[in-house]
Amino acid sequence: MGVLGLWIESECGRLLVTPGEIAVIPQGFRFSIDLPDGKSRGYVAEIYGAHFQLPDLGPIGTLDFF
């Protein structure tokens, strides 16, 4: 079995997020995460401001090694 990613289930339905993708969930939505491969790792950010900008990761962060 390969790397599937994770399933996000919200009020709007199910969304499959694979490695290298970013999921954005609007404020106030209820959601749950399902990990079909078992363990996973990643980042979660909750924004308390007017605008969110992804950080500059430099040359290593811009290359897709996976």
N, C-alpha and C. Protein backbone atom coordinates (compact mmCIF):
# COMPACT_ATOMS: atom_id res chain seq x y z
N MET A 1 0.84 -1.18 0.00
CA MET A 1 0.00 0.00 0.00
C MET A 1 0.88 1.24 0.00
N GLY A 2 0.64 2.16 -0.93
CA GLY A 2 1.43 3.38 -1.03
C GLY A 2 0.97 4.45 -0.06
N VAL A 3 1.58 5.58 -0.15
CA VAL A 3 1.24 6.71 0.70
C VAL A 3 -0.02 7.37 0.15
N LEU A 4 -1.11 7.30 0.90
CA LEU A 4 -2.37 7.87 0.46
C LEU A 4 -2.52 9.33 0.86
N GLY A 5 -2.02 9.69 2.01
CA GLY A 5 -2.23 11.03 2.54
C GLY A 5 -3.19 10.96 3.71
N LEU A 6 -4.13 11.89 3.74
CA LEU A 6 -5.13 11.87 4.81
C LEU A 6 -6.47 12.34 4.27
N TRP A 7 -7.53 11.91 4.94
CA TRP A 7 -8.88 12.32 4.59
C TRP A 7 -9.35 13.36 5.59
N ILE A 8 -9.87 14.47 5.09
CA ILE A 8 -10.46 15.49 5.94
C ILE A 8 -11.96 15.46 5.67
N GLU A 9 -12.74 15.28 6.72
CA GLU A 9 -14.19 15.28 6.58
C GLU A 9 -14.73 16.52 7.28
N SER A 10 -15.50 17.33 6.54
CA SER A 10 -16.07 18.55 7.09
C SER A 10 -17.55 18.62 6.73
N GLU A 11 -18.15 19.75 7.01
CA GLU A 11 -19.55 19.98 6.69
C GLU A 11 -19.80 19.95 5.18
N CYS A 12 -18.75 20.15 4.40
CA CYS A 12 -18.87 20.20 2.93
C CYS A 12 -18.57 18.87 2.26
N GLY A 13 -18.18 17.85 3.02
CA GLY A 13 -17.87 16.55 2.45
C GLY A 13 -16.47 16.08 2.81
N ARG A 14 -15.96 15.11 2.02
CA ARG A 14 -14.64 14.54 2.27
C ARG A 14 -13.64 15.06 1.27
N LEU A 15 -12.40 15.25 1.73
CA LEU A 15 -11.33 15.77 0.90
C LEU A 15 -10.08 14.93 1.13
N LEU A 16 -9.51 14.38 0.06
CA LEU A 16 -8.27 13.62 0.16
C LEU A 16 -7.11 14.58 -0.06
N VAL A 17 -6.21 14.65 0.91
CA VAL A 17 -5.03 15.51 0.82
C VAL A 17 -3.81 14.60 0.77
N THR A 18 -3.10 14.65 -0.35
CA THR A 18 -1.93 13.79 -0.55
C THR A 18 -0.66 14.55 -0.16
N PRO A 19 0.45 13.84 0.03
CA PRO A 19 1.70 14.50 0.40
C PRO A 19 2.07 15.60 -0.60
N GLY A 20 2.49 16.76 -0.08
CA GLY A 20 2.86 17.89 -0.90
C GLY A 20 1.72 18.87 -1.14
N GLU A 21 0.51 18.54 -0.72
CA GLU A 21 -0.64 19.42 -0.89
C GLU A 21 -0.94 20.15 0.40
N ILE A 22 -1.67 21.26 0.29
CA ILE A 22 -2.07 22.06 1.44
C ILE A 22 -3.59 22.11 1.48
N ALA A 23 -4.16 21.90 2.65
CA ALA A 23 -5.61 22.01 2.82
C ALA A 23 -5.90 23.24 3.68
N VAL A 24 -6.88 24.02 3.26
CA VAL A 24 -7.30 25.20 4.01
C VAL A 24 -8.75 25.00 4.41
N ILE A 25 -9.02 25.09 5.70
CA ILE A 25 -10.37 24.92 6.22
C ILE A 25 -10.80 26.25 6.82
N PRO A 26 -11.92 26.81 6.36
CA PRO A 26 -12.36 28.10 6.87
C PRO A 26 -12.67 28.07 8.37
N GLN A 27 -12.55 29.23 8.99
CA GLN A 27 -12.82 29.37 10.42
C GLN A 27 -14.27 28.99 10.70
N GLY A 28 -14.48 28.28 11.78
CA GLY A 28 -15.82 27.90 12.20
C GLY A 28 -16.28 26.56 11.68
N PHE A 29 -15.56 25.95 10.73
CA PHE A 29 -15.95 24.64 10.21
C PHE A 29 -15.56 23.56 11.21
N ARG A 30 -16.43 22.61 11.36
CA ARG A 30 -16.10 21.42 12.16
C ARG A 30 -15.50 20.40 11.20
N PHE A 31 -14.42 19.73 11.63
CA PHE A 31 -13.77 18.77 10.74
C PHE A 31 -13.15 17.65 11.56
N SER A 32 -12.91 16.54 10.89
CA SER A 32 -12.19 15.42 11.50
C SER A 32 -11.18 14.91 10.47
N ILE A 33 -10.11 14.29 10.97
CA ILE A 33 -9.02 13.80 10.14
C ILE A 33 -8.96 12.28 10.26
N ASP A 34 -8.84 11.60 9.13
CA ASP A 34 -8.66 10.15 9.11
C ASP A 34 -7.34 9.85 8.43
N LEU A 35 -6.52 9.03 9.07
CA LEU A 35 -5.20 8.66 8.53
C LEU A 35 -5.25 7.21 8.05
N PRO A 36 -5.47 6.98 6.75
CA PRO A 36 -5.58 5.60 6.26
C PRO A 36 -4.29 4.81 6.36
N ASP A 37 -3.13 5.49 6.38
CA ASP A 37 -1.84 4.80 6.48
C ASP A 37 -1.38 4.60 7.92
N GLY A 38 -2.16 5.05 8.88
CA GLY A 38 -1.74 4.94 10.28
C GLY A 38 -1.13 6.24 10.75
N LYS A 39 0.20 6.28 10.85
CA LYS A 39 0.88 7.47 11.35
C LYS A 39 1.08 8.48 10.23
N SER A 40 1.19 9.74 10.63
CA SER A 40 1.44 10.82 9.69
C SER A 40 2.06 11.98 10.43
N ARG A 41 2.62 12.94 9.69
CA ARG A 41 3.15 14.14 10.32
C ARG A 41 2.92 15.31 9.37
N GLY A 42 2.85 16.49 9.95
CA GLY A 42 2.60 17.67 9.15
C GLY A 42 2.47 18.89 10.05
N TYR A 43 1.89 19.93 9.52
CA TYR A 43 1.74 21.18 10.25
C TYR A 43 0.27 21.58 10.31
N VAL A 44 -0.12 22.15 11.43
CA VAL A 44 -1.45 22.72 11.59
C VAL A 44 -1.26 24.15 12.09
N ALA A 45 -1.93 25.09 11.45
CA ALA A 45 -1.83 26.49 11.86
C ALA A 45 -3.23 27.07 11.99
N GLU A 46 -3.48 27.76 13.08
CA GLU A 46 -4.74 28.46 13.27
C GLU A 46 -4.42 29.95 13.23
N ILE A 47 -5.06 30.66 12.34
CA ILE A 47 -4.71 32.05 12.08
C ILE A 47 -5.66 32.98 12.82
N TYR A 48 -5.11 33.92 13.57
CA TYR A 48 -5.88 34.94 14.29
C TYR A 48 -5.55 36.31 13.72
N GLY A 49 -5.72 36.49 12.46
CA GLY A 49 -5.38 37.77 11.86
C GLY A 49 -6.18 37.98 10.59
N ALA A 50 -5.88 39.04 9.92
CA ALA A 50 -6.63 39.39 8.73
C ALA A 50 -6.15 38.61 7.49
N HIS A 51 -4.84 38.32 7.40
CA HIS A 51 -4.32 37.71 6.19
C HIS A 51 -3.21 36.73 6.55
N PHE A 52 -3.19 35.59 5.88
CA PHE A 52 -2.16 34.58 6.11
C PHE A 52 -1.28 34.46 4.87
N GLN A 53 0.03 34.44 5.08
CA GLN A 53 0.97 34.27 3.98
C GLN A 53 1.90 33.11 4.34
N LEU A 54 2.07 32.17 3.41
CA LEU A 54 2.97 31.05 3.66
C LEU A 54 4.39 31.56 3.83
N PRO A 55 5.14 31.00 4.79
CA PRO A 55 6.52 31.46 5.01
C PRO A 55 7.43 31.06 3.87
N ASP A 56 8.47 31.84 3.64
CA ASP A 56 9.47 31.54 2.63
C ASP A 56 10.38 30.45 3.19
N LEU A 57 10.41 29.30 2.53
CA LEU A 57 11.20 28.18 3.03
C LEU A 57 12.57 28.09 2.38
N GLY A 58 12.89 29.02 1.51
CA GLY A 58 14.19 29.01 0.86
C GLY A 58 14.27 27.98 -0.25
N PRO A 59 15.47 27.73 -0.77
CA PRO A 59 15.60 26.82 -1.91
C PRO A 59 15.24 25.37 -1.59
N ILE A 60 15.49 24.93 -0.36
CA ILE A 60 15.16 23.54 -0.01
C ILE A 60 13.64 23.38 0.09
N GLY A 61 12.95 24.35 0.66
CA GLY A 61 11.51 24.25 0.81
C GLY A 61 10.74 24.37 -0.49
N THR A 62 11.36 24.93 -1.52
CA THR A 62 10.66 25.10 -2.79
C THR A 62 10.81 23.89 -3.70
N LEU A 63 11.78 23.02 -3.43
CA LEU A 63 11.96 21.82 -4.26
C LEU A 63 11.14 20.68 -3.70
N ASP A 64 10.56 19.91 -4.59
CA ASP A 64 9.72 18.78 -4.19
C ASP A 64 10.56 17.50 -4.35
N PHE A 65 11.07 16.97 -3.23
CA PHE A 65 11.91 15.79 -3.26
C PHE A 65 11.13 14.49 -3.15
N PHE A 66 9.81 14.57 -2.97
CA PHE A 66 9.03 13.36 -2.73
C PHE A 66 8.30 12.92 -3.95
